[in-house]
Every structure is written in C-alpha cells, then in structure tokens.
Amino acid sequence: MSAIVETFLPARLGTSFRWLLASSWTTNLGDGIAAAAGPLLVASLSRDPILISLAALLGWAPPLVCGLYAGVLSDRYDRRRIVLIANAVRLVVLGTLVGLLATGHLTVHGALIGLGLIATAEVFADNTTATLTPMLVHRDDLVIANARLQTGFITLNQLAGPSLGAVLFAGGRIWPFVTETLLVAAGVLLVARVTLPPHGRSAALSAKPGGVRHEIAEGIHWVIRHPAVRTLCLTILIFNLTFGAAWSVLVLYASEQLGLGAIGFGLITTVSAVGGIVGTACYGWLTARLSLGDIMRIGLVIETLTHLVLAVTTSPWIALPVFFVFGAHAFVWGTTSRVVRQRAVPQHLQGRVDSVNTICVYGGLVVGSAVGGVLATHHGIAAPFWVAFAGSTVFLILLWPQMTRIAHQEP
C-alpha cells in the first residue's frame, strides 16, 4: 500500500501538499453535489424560466465580477487565511440554507441569494487555493502536483458529485446541502493543517498610490509583457468564444441531433469526465515525451476537429468517442496552462495573474454562449458547431506560431 501511495503521491511533494490535496478533493465533491442540487432546488421552488436561468447566471457571474479583486487579496494577504475565511462564509450560508429548508421557510429568492453568496465566496477560495501549490512544491514537481489536484476535480466535482447531488436531492431537498456543509467543514479543517512559507507580499503595500486598481493594473501589465502567459490567456479567451457557442446548446444537441433523449446530456458529461480521467493517467507520459508547446498545439487541433465532427454527425456512436477524446484534451490543456502560469509567474503576482486568466475563461464563455443561442435559434442546432469549427480553424492558424512561446516559462 505504501508503494502505491508513493507512486501516486510522492513524499517529496511534502506533508502540507497532501493536506491541501485532501482539502481540495473534499471540497470538490461538495461543489459537485451543489452543481446539481442548486438548480434542482431553484426549479423545485419556482417554474419561472427567468428565475431558473438566473441560478445559472449566478454560477458564472461572480468570477467576472470579483475575480480581479480576489487576485489582489491573495497577493496581498495570508493566503491560507483567505481560504479559511472564504470557506467559513460558505459554511455560514450553507447552514442558513439548511435551517430554512428544515423549517420550510426557504423562498426562491432566498435560495438565489444563498447560491450567489456561495458562488462568490468560492471565487475567493478557488483563486487563492490555486496560488498555494507553487508555494508548497518544487517547480519540477508542479506537473504531478497539478495532475493530482485535477484528478480530484474531474472524478469528484464533475463525475461523482453531480450524480450524488441528484440522488441526495431525490431523497429530500435538504440532504445535498447538509452533505455539502459537512464536506466544506472537513475541507476547512484539512487546509488548516497546511503550513505555508511567506509569499513576499505585505498588506502595507496596499497603502501605495492607486491601491487596488493599481495592483490589478500591475497584474494585467505583467500578463501583457510575458509572452508565454499572454499567449495562454489570449488562446483561452479566443477558443472559449467558439467553445461557448457550441456547448451552449449541448443539451439540445444531445436530444435533437443525436437522438439521445433525456439521458443524453448526462451521458455526454459522464463520457467526457471519463476521458478526463484517462488524461490524468497519461499526463506524465505526455509531458515526458512532448514539449508543453507541442501539447498545446495538439490540443487546439483536437478542439477544432471536435467541432467539425459534431457538426456533421448525427450518430451517438461517433459523437460519444469524440466527447471522450475532448474530455482528455480539456484536462491536459487545463493542467498544462496552470503549470505554465505557476512556473512563470512570481509568487507575489500569482493571484492577480490567475484572476486575469479566469476573466478570459469566463468572458469567452459568456460571449460565446450568447452567440451560440442566436445561431441555434435562427440556423439550427448544428450552426454553432459549424461556426465554432470555422472560427477555431482561423484562430488555430493565427495562434500556431505563438505556441513556441509556451516553452519560455521562466519569470
């Protein structure tokens, strides 16, 4: 057993990283449960499409609204303390929701406020947690450390969590939120065991001219001046425009074009998550044989061809293997992007640079989703995939030479 543990989680990563990993996996399971239970809760309290769609809006709006400020805080103050406070806020809100559910006093507006507060606190917790790994492990071990973190995200947050959340909700609306409360509490206790070195940042620096706005601008300017990280942020912004356009109608695509019925969307999500698990198993092998720049290039080709095949096919037997490969690509891309940022960005800028990347991720998805809805309404379900393929092809050609910059990862 000890040999297996050493292979999966080498002792050189340190005890503190193991506590961080345990906390991450625990809270990821809770977040996965909430991903299913939150919308189900709102739908059980109201059938108003506007209110139900507002629940989805509250999921992606906080990173756009609070992301840059969260980055400043994580670069300015004690990072472990920020994670503890953010998760403590989540515990208070979850406890309130559980209490209102238990007494039958929860309204749809109360549920929406609660879900919005939880999502906002999660922005601060997630942004800061992303800066902890490079403080705990050597830069040469960032590949394996992030792969282990992503394993928990895929298996617990995306695969097991939503299914468990739906099952718990079927047993009673209160149970998913009781479970999430316990998991977040466990995550707080685990991350409290982490011992961090100082990141060279002092709260006294907040007194310099410009304050928060100056520090946000400092992070943005650093991204603009650094070729590798600038290329990553630009790429994720552009490709999330095309991805968001296609994936915004994925529920309808599964039922109408693939004919999978009500189970289609869940099946696609599961197959993609399984692909991500395979990606975690292969990641060390890939990085030992290919440069990070080549991995990124291959990933962009996979994403471009994914849109083409999905636009053409009406067969689930063709589409599902494509979603499997795409799931593996999504994991490999996300892990590589994080490794490059963690290796390249100075400790005192990690939070702000990560927040700029988050803005690019969600900004592309939001705009792309709006475009996809319009295209599907006026030109059919396949139209967003055709436009995504065309746009991805153009972007791939333009960005191809820039991928060589990924090799230059030093600050």
Protein backbone atom coordinates (compact mmCIF):
# COMPACT_ATOMS: atom_id res chain seq x y z
CA MET A 1 0.00 0.00 0.00
CA SER A 2 2.81 2.42 0.88
CA ALA A 3 4.38 1.78 -2.54
CA ILE A 4 1.10 2.67 -4.24
CA VAL A 5 0.78 5.86 -2.21
CA GLU A 6 4.38 6.80 -3.02
CA THR A 7 3.76 6.28 -6.74
CA PHE A 8 0.56 8.32 -6.76
CA LEU A 9 1.61 10.95 -4.22
CA PRO A 10 5.42 11.02 -3.76
CA ALA A 11 6.71 12.01 -0.33
CA ARG A 12 8.83 14.75 -1.93
CA LEU A 13 5.64 16.74 -2.52
CA GLY A 14 5.51 17.26 1.23
CA THR A 15 3.00 16.78 4.03
CA SER A 16 1.44 20.20 3.55
CA PHE A 17 0.63 19.45 -0.08
CA ARG A 18 -1.04 16.21 0.99
CA TRP A 19 -3.26 18.18 3.38
CA LEU A 20 -4.01 20.64 0.57
CA LEU A 21 -4.86 17.80 -1.81
CA ALA A 22 -7.18 16.18 0.74
CA SER A 23 -8.93 19.52 1.31
CA SER A 24 -9.25 20.12 -2.44
CA TRP A 25 -10.75 16.69 -3.10
CA THR A 26 -13.18 17.04 -0.19
CA THR A 27 -14.48 20.46 -1.21
CA ASN A 28 -14.59 19.46 -4.89
CA LEU A 29 -17.03 16.68 -4.00
CA GLY A 30 -19.16 19.24 -2.19
CA ASP A 31 -19.03 21.62 -5.17
CA GLY A 32 -20.03 18.79 -7.50
CA ILE A 33 -23.03 17.98 -5.31
CA ALA A 34 -24.03 21.66 -5.36
CA ALA A 35 -23.70 21.83 -9.16
CA ALA A 36 -26.71 19.50 -9.43
CA ALA A 37 -28.58 20.38 -6.25
CA GLY A 38 -28.53 24.17 -6.72
CA PRO A 39 -30.52 24.31 -9.99
CA LEU A 40 -32.78 21.50 -8.76
CA LEU A 41 -33.54 23.49 -5.62
CA VAL A 42 -34.48 26.62 -7.57
CA ALA A 43 -36.61 24.58 -10.00
CA SER A 44 -38.43 22.99 -7.04
CA LEU A 45 -39.30 26.44 -5.68
CA SER A 46 -40.32 28.10 -8.96
CA ARG A 47 -41.12 27.16 -12.56
CA ASP A 48 -40.35 30.68 -13.79
CA PRO A 49 -37.75 30.29 -16.60
CA ILE A 50 -36.22 33.66 -15.74
CA LEU A 51 -35.60 32.70 -12.12
CA ILE A 52 -34.26 29.28 -13.14
CA SER A 53 -31.89 30.84 -15.68
CA LEU A 54 -30.83 33.33 -13.01
CA ALA A 55 -29.50 30.39 -10.98
CA ALA A 56 -27.14 29.59 -13.88
CA LEU A 57 -26.16 33.26 -14.19
CA LEU A 58 -25.19 33.34 -10.52
CA GLY A 59 -22.78 30.48 -11.21
CA TRP A 60 -20.57 32.31 -13.71
CA ALA A 61 -21.12 35.98 -12.81
CA PRO A 62 -19.05 36.05 -9.57
CA PRO A 63 -15.73 35.16 -11.28
CA LEU A 64 -16.25 38.01 -13.74
CA VAL A 65 -17.31 40.50 -11.09
CA CYS A 66 -14.99 39.54 -8.22
CA GLY A 67 -12.13 37.66 -9.89
CA LEU A 68 -9.66 40.54 -10.19
CA TYR A 69 -10.28 41.72 -6.64
CA ALA A 70 -9.85 38.17 -5.35
CA GLY A 71 -6.48 38.08 -7.10
CA VAL A 72 -5.37 41.26 -5.36
CA LEU A 73 -6.35 39.91 -1.95
CA SER A 74 -4.49 36.63 -2.45
CA ASP A 75 -1.33 38.52 -3.43
CA ARG A 76 -1.65 40.95 -0.54
CA TYR A 77 -2.63 38.86 2.49
CA ASP A 78 -2.04 35.47 4.10
CA ARG A 79 -3.32 33.02 1.51
CA ARG A 80 -4.23 30.19 3.83
CA ARG A 81 -6.25 32.59 5.97
CA ILE A 82 -8.18 33.82 2.92
CA VAL A 83 -9.13 30.24 2.03
CA LEU A 84 -10.25 29.60 5.61
CA ILE A 85 -12.35 32.79 5.75
CA ALA A 86 -13.94 32.22 2.34
CA ASN A 87 -14.91 28.67 3.25
CA ALA A 88 -16.17 29.84 6.64
CA VAL A 89 -18.52 32.21 4.80
CA ARG A 90 -19.71 29.30 2.67
CA LEU A 91 -20.38 27.31 5.85
CA VAL A 92 -22.50 30.11 7.33
CA VAL A 93 -24.57 30.47 4.15
CA LEU A 94 -24.99 26.71 3.76
CA GLY A 95 -26.02 26.42 7.41
CA THR A 96 -28.62 29.13 6.85
CA LEU A 97 -29.99 27.37 3.77
CA VAL A 98 -30.21 24.08 5.68
CA GLY A 99 -32.02 25.81 8.55
CA LEU A 100 -34.54 27.48 6.21
CA LEU A 101 -35.13 24.21 4.37
CA ALA A 102 -35.63 22.33 7.62
CA THR A 103 -38.24 24.84 8.83
CA GLY A 104 -39.94 25.23 5.44
CA HIS A 105 -39.20 28.96 5.21
CA LEU A 106 -36.90 29.00 2.19
CA THR A 107 -38.19 31.05 -0.75
CA VAL A 108 -36.86 31.03 -4.30
CA HIS A 109 -35.37 34.49 -3.77
CA GLY A 110 -33.66 33.32 -0.61
CA ALA A 111 -32.27 30.30 -2.45
CA LEU A 112 -30.92 32.52 -5.24
CA ILE A 113 -29.28 34.88 -2.76
CA GLY A 114 -27.73 31.94 -0.93
CA LEU A 115 -26.41 30.31 -4.11
CA GLY A 116 -24.99 33.65 -5.25
CA LEU A 117 -23.17 34.20 -1.95
CA ILE A 118 -21.77 30.66 -2.02
CA ALA A 119 -20.53 31.15 -5.60
CA THR A 120 -18.94 34.48 -4.65
CA ALA A 121 -17.12 33.01 -1.66
CA GLU A 122 -15.99 30.14 -3.88
CA VAL A 123 -14.28 32.65 -6.22
CA PHE A 124 -12.05 33.86 -3.38
CA ALA A 125 -11.38 30.32 -2.13
CA ASP A 126 -10.57 28.90 -5.58
CA ASN A 127 -8.40 31.81 -6.74
CA THR A 128 -6.31 31.69 -3.59
CA THR A 129 -6.10 27.89 -3.48
CA ALA A 130 -4.61 27.96 -6.99
CA THR A 131 -1.68 30.01 -5.64
CA LEU A 132 -0.86 27.56 -2.82
CA THR A 133 0.59 24.69 -4.88
CA PRO A 134 3.65 26.58 -6.22
CA MET A 135 4.38 27.68 -2.66
CA LEU A 136 4.46 24.07 -1.43
CA VAL A 137 6.18 22.02 -4.15
CA HIS A 138 9.27 22.44 -6.31
CA ARG A 139 8.67 23.81 -9.79
CA ASP A 140 9.83 20.50 -11.31
CA ASP A 141 7.02 18.74 -9.41
CA LEU A 142 4.24 21.14 -10.48
CA VAL A 143 3.21 18.77 -13.29
CA ILE A 144 2.48 15.85 -10.98
CA ALA A 145 1.03 18.05 -8.21
CA ASN A 146 -1.47 19.71 -10.55
CA ALA A 147 -2.31 16.38 -12.16
CA ARG A 148 -3.29 15.01 -8.75
CA LEU A 149 -5.39 18.08 -7.99
CA GLN A 150 -7.12 17.83 -11.36
CA THR A 151 -7.81 14.13 -10.78
CA GLY A 152 -9.95 15.09 -7.81
CA PHE A 153 -11.67 17.86 -9.75
CA ILE A 154 -12.65 15.55 -12.60
CA THR A 155 -13.64 12.47 -10.63
CA LEU A 156 -15.37 14.21 -7.71
CA ASN A 157 -16.52 17.62 -8.97
CA GLN A 158 -17.57 16.61 -12.48
CA LEU A 159 -18.24 12.87 -12.37
CA ALA A 160 -19.32 11.66 -8.93
CA GLY A 161 -20.53 14.92 -7.34
CA PRO A 162 -23.41 15.87 -9.65
CA SER A 163 -24.76 12.33 -9.71
CA LEU A 164 -24.58 12.11 -5.91
CA GLY A 165 -26.20 15.54 -5.63
CA ALA A 166 -29.15 14.45 -7.77
CA VAL A 167 -29.57 11.22 -5.78
CA LEU A 168 -29.44 13.08 -2.46
CA PHE A 169 -31.93 15.66 -3.72
CA ALA A 170 -34.33 12.88 -4.72
CA GLY A 171 -34.22 11.71 -1.09
CA GLY A 172 -35.08 15.19 0.19
CA ARG A 173 -34.14 18.77 -0.77
CA ILE A 174 -32.19 19.29 2.43
CA TRP A 175 -29.75 16.37 2.14
CA PRO A 176 -27.42 17.68 -0.62
CA PHE A 177 -26.85 20.86 1.36
CA VAL A 178 -26.31 19.03 4.64
CA THR A 179 -23.72 16.88 2.88
CA GLU A 180 -22.03 19.88 1.26
CA THR A 181 -21.89 21.63 4.63
CA LEU A 182 -20.10 18.67 6.19
CA LEU A 183 -17.67 18.40 3.26
CA VAL A 184 -16.79 22.11 3.30
CA ALA A 185 -16.27 21.91 7.08
CA ALA A 186 -13.92 18.95 6.57
CA GLY A 187 -12.08 20.92 3.87
CA VAL A 188 -11.57 23.81 6.28
CA LEU A 189 -10.10 21.51 8.93
CA LEU A 190 -7.77 19.91 6.39
CA VAL A 191 -6.44 23.13 4.85
CA ALA A 192 -5.88 24.48 8.37
CA ARG A 193 -3.14 21.84 8.69
CA VAL A 194 -1.20 23.35 5.75
CA THR A 195 1.95 25.29 6.60
CA LEU A 196 2.90 27.94 4.06
CA PRO A 197 6.09 29.94 3.57
CA PRO A 198 5.59 33.72 3.24
CA HIS A 199 4.96 34.87 -0.34
CA GLY A 200 6.90 38.12 -0.03
CA ARG A 201 3.84 40.31 0.00
CA SER A 202 2.77 42.65 2.77
CA ALA A 203 -0.54 44.30 3.48
CA ALA A 204 1.40 47.53 3.94
CA LEU A 205 1.81 47.64 0.19
CA SER A 206 -1.90 48.47 -0.08
CA ALA A 207 -1.00 51.99 1.01
CA LYS A 208 0.82 52.80 -2.22
CA PRO A 209 -0.86 55.20 -4.70
CA GLY A 210 -3.68 53.68 -6.68
CA GLY A 211 -4.48 50.94 -4.14
CA VAL A 212 -6.45 48.01 -5.54
CA ARG A 213 -6.75 49.48 -9.04
CA HIS A 214 -3.00 49.94 -9.25
CA GLU A 215 -2.40 46.33 -8.20
CA ILE A 216 -4.95 44.99 -10.70
CA ALA A 217 -3.27 47.02 -13.43
CA GLU A 218 0.11 45.65 -12.32
CA GLY A 219 -1.14 42.08 -12.83
CA ILE A 220 -2.67 42.87 -16.24
CA HIS A 221 0.50 44.62 -17.43
CA TRP A 222 2.62 41.68 -16.32
CA VAL A 223 0.46 39.31 -18.41
CA ILE A 224 0.74 41.60 -21.44
CA ARG A 225 4.53 41.73 -21.16
CA HIS A 226 5.10 37.98 -20.65
CA PRO A 227 4.95 36.07 -23.97
CA ALA A 228 4.01 32.61 -22.66
CA VAL A 229 1.29 33.68 -20.22
CA ARG A 230 -0.04 36.31 -22.65
CA THR A 231 -0.36 33.61 -25.31
CA LEU A 232 -2.19 31.30 -22.91
CA CYS A 233 -4.69 33.98 -21.86
CA LEU A 234 -5.30 35.07 -25.43
CA THR A 235 -5.77 31.47 -26.56
CA ILE A 236 -8.23 30.56 -23.81
CA LEU A 237 -10.23 33.72 -24.46
CA ILE A 238 -10.49 33.10 -28.20
CA PHE A 239 -11.12 29.38 -28.07
CA ASN A 240 -13.70 29.76 -25.31
CA LEU A 241 -15.65 32.02 -27.66
CA THR A 242 -16.00 29.12 -30.09
CA PHE A 243 -16.36 26.52 -27.33
CA GLY A 244 -19.04 28.56 -25.57
CA ALA A 245 -21.01 28.98 -28.80
CA ALA A 246 -21.10 25.23 -29.43
CA TRP A 247 -21.51 24.00 -25.86
CA SER A 248 -24.29 26.50 -25.04
CA VAL A 249 -26.74 24.29 -26.97
CA LEU A 250 -25.27 20.95 -25.92
CA VAL A 251 -28.45 19.87 -24.11
CA LEU A 252 -30.50 20.40 -27.28
CA TYR A 253 -27.76 18.89 -29.45
CA ALA A 254 -27.80 15.68 -27.40
CA SER A 255 -31.56 15.24 -27.68
CA GLU A 256 -32.32 16.64 -31.15
CA GLN A 257 -29.27 15.88 -33.29
CA LEU A 258 -28.03 12.73 -31.56
CA GLY A 259 -31.46 11.48 -30.54
CA LEU A 260 -30.30 10.51 -27.05
CA GLY A 261 -33.38 11.84 -25.27
CA ALA A 262 -33.39 12.97 -21.68
CA ILE A 263 -30.30 10.94 -20.73
CA GLY A 264 -28.16 12.42 -23.49
CA PHE A 265 -26.67 15.39 -21.70
CA GLY A 266 -25.78 13.36 -18.61
CA LEU A 267 -24.23 10.66 -20.79
CA ILE A 268 -22.08 13.21 -22.63
CA THR A 269 -20.93 14.72 -19.34
CA THR A 270 -20.02 11.30 -17.96
CA VAL A 271 -18.13 10.22 -21.08
CA SER A 272 -16.19 13.50 -21.10
CA ALA A 273 -15.30 13.08 -17.44
CA VAL A 274 -14.06 9.53 -18.08
CA GLY A 275 -11.89 10.94 -20.87
CA GLY A 276 -10.52 13.42 -18.36
CA ILE A 277 -9.59 10.55 -16.03
CA VAL A 278 -7.68 8.90 -18.87
CA GLY A 279 -5.99 12.25 -19.48
CA THR A 280 -4.80 12.30 -15.86
CA ALA A 281 -3.32 8.82 -16.24
CA CYS A 282 -1.46 9.78 -19.43
CA TYR A 283 -0.34 13.26 -18.47
CA GLY A 284 3.03 12.32 -17.01
CA TRP A 285 3.77 10.15 -20.05
CA LEU A 286 2.85 13.02 -22.40
CA THR A 287 4.96 15.66 -20.66
CA ALA A 288 7.96 13.30 -20.63
CA ARG A 289 7.82 12.98 -24.43
CA LEU A 290 6.38 16.25 -25.72
CA SER A 291 7.12 19.90 -25.02
CA LEU A 292 4.34 21.92 -23.43
CA GLY A 293 4.10 23.97 -26.63
CA ASP A 294 3.53 20.84 -28.73
CA ILE A 295 0.92 19.58 -26.25
CA MET A 296 -0.94 22.86 -26.62
CA ARG A 297 -0.78 22.72 -30.41
CA ILE A 298 -2.15 19.16 -30.47
CA GLY A 299 -4.91 20.24 -28.10
CA LEU A 300 -6.01 23.09 -30.36
CA VAL A 301 -6.16 20.70 -33.32
CA ILE A 302 -8.30 18.28 -31.29
CA GLU A 303 -10.68 21.06 -30.28
CA THR A 304 -11.03 22.32 -33.85
CA LEU A 305 -11.74 18.85 -35.24
CA THR A 306 -14.20 18.18 -32.40
CA HIS A 307 -16.43 21.00 -33.63
CA LEU A 308 -16.27 19.69 -37.20
CA VAL A 309 -17.19 16.10 -36.35
CA LEU A 310 -20.03 17.16 -34.05
CA ALA A 311 -21.41 19.50 -36.70
CA VAL A 312 -21.53 16.67 -39.26
CA THR A 313 -22.56 13.59 -37.31
CA THR A 314 -25.98 12.52 -36.07
CA SER A 315 -24.66 9.22 -34.67
CA PRO A 316 -24.07 8.82 -30.92
CA TRP A 317 -21.55 6.07 -31.74
CA ILE A 318 -19.36 8.68 -33.43
CA ALA A 319 -20.12 11.62 -31.15
CA LEU A 320 -19.51 9.90 -27.80
CA PRO A 321 -15.90 8.83 -28.61
CA VAL A 322 -15.31 12.44 -29.72
CA PHE A 323 -16.56 13.70 -26.36
CA PHE A 324 -14.27 11.17 -24.67
CA VAL A 325 -11.21 12.50 -26.52
CA PHE A 326 -12.32 16.07 -25.89
CA GLY A 327 -12.58 15.33 -22.16
CA ALA A 328 -8.99 14.08 -22.13
CA HIS A 329 -7.88 17.16 -24.08
CA ALA A 330 -9.70 19.52 -21.69
CA PHE A 331 -7.84 18.04 -18.71
CA VAL A 332 -4.45 18.10 -20.45
CA TRP A 333 -4.97 21.68 -21.64
CA GLY A 334 -6.13 22.95 -18.24
CA THR A 335 -3.29 21.29 -16.36
CA THR A 336 -0.65 22.48 -18.83
CA SER A 337 -1.96 26.04 -18.69
CA ARG A 338 -1.81 26.02 -14.90
CA VAL A 339 1.70 24.55 -14.82
CA VAL A 340 2.99 27.21 -17.23
CA ARG A 341 1.47 30.00 -15.14
CA GLN A 342 2.78 28.61 -11.86
CA ARG A 343 6.30 28.21 -13.25
CA ALA A 344 6.39 31.59 -14.92
CA VAL A 345 4.62 33.94 -12.50
CA PRO A 346 6.44 35.39 -9.46
CA GLN A 347 4.87 34.40 -6.13
CA HIS A 348 3.64 37.92 -5.33
CA LEU A 349 1.69 38.08 -8.63
CA GLN A 350 0.21 34.57 -8.71
CA GLY A 351 -3.26 35.60 -7.56
CA ARG A 352 -3.68 38.53 -9.93
CA VAL A 353 -2.36 36.69 -12.98
CA ASP A 354 -4.62 33.73 -12.22
CA SER A 355 -7.58 36.11 -11.95
CA VAL A 356 -6.76 37.60 -15.38
CA ASN A 357 -6.80 34.08 -16.80
CA THR A 358 -10.17 33.45 -15.09
CA ILE A 359 -11.63 36.59 -16.66
CA CYS A 360 -10.50 35.35 -20.09
CA VAL A 361 -12.05 31.92 -19.43
CA TYR A 362 -15.46 33.20 -18.37
CA GLY A 363 -15.51 36.21 -20.70
CA GLY A 364 -15.08 33.93 -23.70
CA LEU A 365 -17.74 31.51 -22.44
CA VAL A 366 -20.31 34.23 -21.77
CA VAL A 367 -19.96 35.93 -25.15
CA GLY A 368 -19.74 32.60 -26.96
CA SER A 369 -22.87 31.29 -25.23
CA ALA A 370 -24.85 34.33 -26.32
CA VAL A 371 -23.70 33.88 -29.92
CA GLY A 372 -24.47 30.16 -29.85
CA GLY A 373 -28.04 30.74 -28.70
CA VAL A 374 -28.72 33.18 -31.51
CA LEU A 375 -27.18 30.89 -34.14
CA ALA A 376 -29.15 27.85 -32.98
CA THR A 377 -32.40 29.83 -32.91
CA HIS A 378 -32.09 31.12 -36.46
CA HIS A 379 -30.00 28.47 -38.24
CA GLY A 380 -30.46 25.17 -36.41
CA ILE A 381 -28.69 23.17 -33.70
CA ALA A 382 -25.65 22.36 -35.86
CA ALA A 383 -24.97 26.00 -36.75
CA PRO A 384 -22.98 26.87 -33.58
CA PHE A 385 -20.71 23.87 -34.21
CA TRP A 386 -20.07 24.91 -37.82
CA VAL A 387 -19.26 28.47 -36.75
CA ALA A 388 -17.08 27.13 -33.92
CA PHE A 389 -15.16 24.98 -36.42
CA ALA A 390 -14.65 27.88 -38.82
CA GLY A 391 -13.57 30.26 -36.07
CA SER A 392 -11.29 27.68 -34.44
CA THR A 393 -9.61 26.99 -37.77
CA VAL A 394 -8.83 30.67 -38.29
CA PHE A 395 -7.61 31.11 -34.72
CA LEU A 396 -5.53 27.93 -34.93
CA ILE A 397 -3.68 29.23 -37.98
CA LEU A 398 -3.07 32.62 -36.35
CA LEU A 399 -2.02 31.23 -32.96
CA TRP A 400 0.07 28.30 -34.21
CA PRO A 401 3.40 30.20 -34.30
CA GLN A 402 2.71 31.69 -30.85
CA MET A 403 2.69 28.25 -29.21
CA THR A 404 6.51 28.17 -29.30
CA ARG A 405 6.41 30.83 -26.59
CA ILE A 406 4.97 28.30 -24.15
CA ALA A 407 8.47 26.80 -23.89
CA HIS A 408 9.73 30.02 -22.26
CA GLN A 409 8.38 29.61 -18.77
CA GLU A 410 10.79 31.46 -16.53
CA PRO A 411 9.72 34.71 -14.84
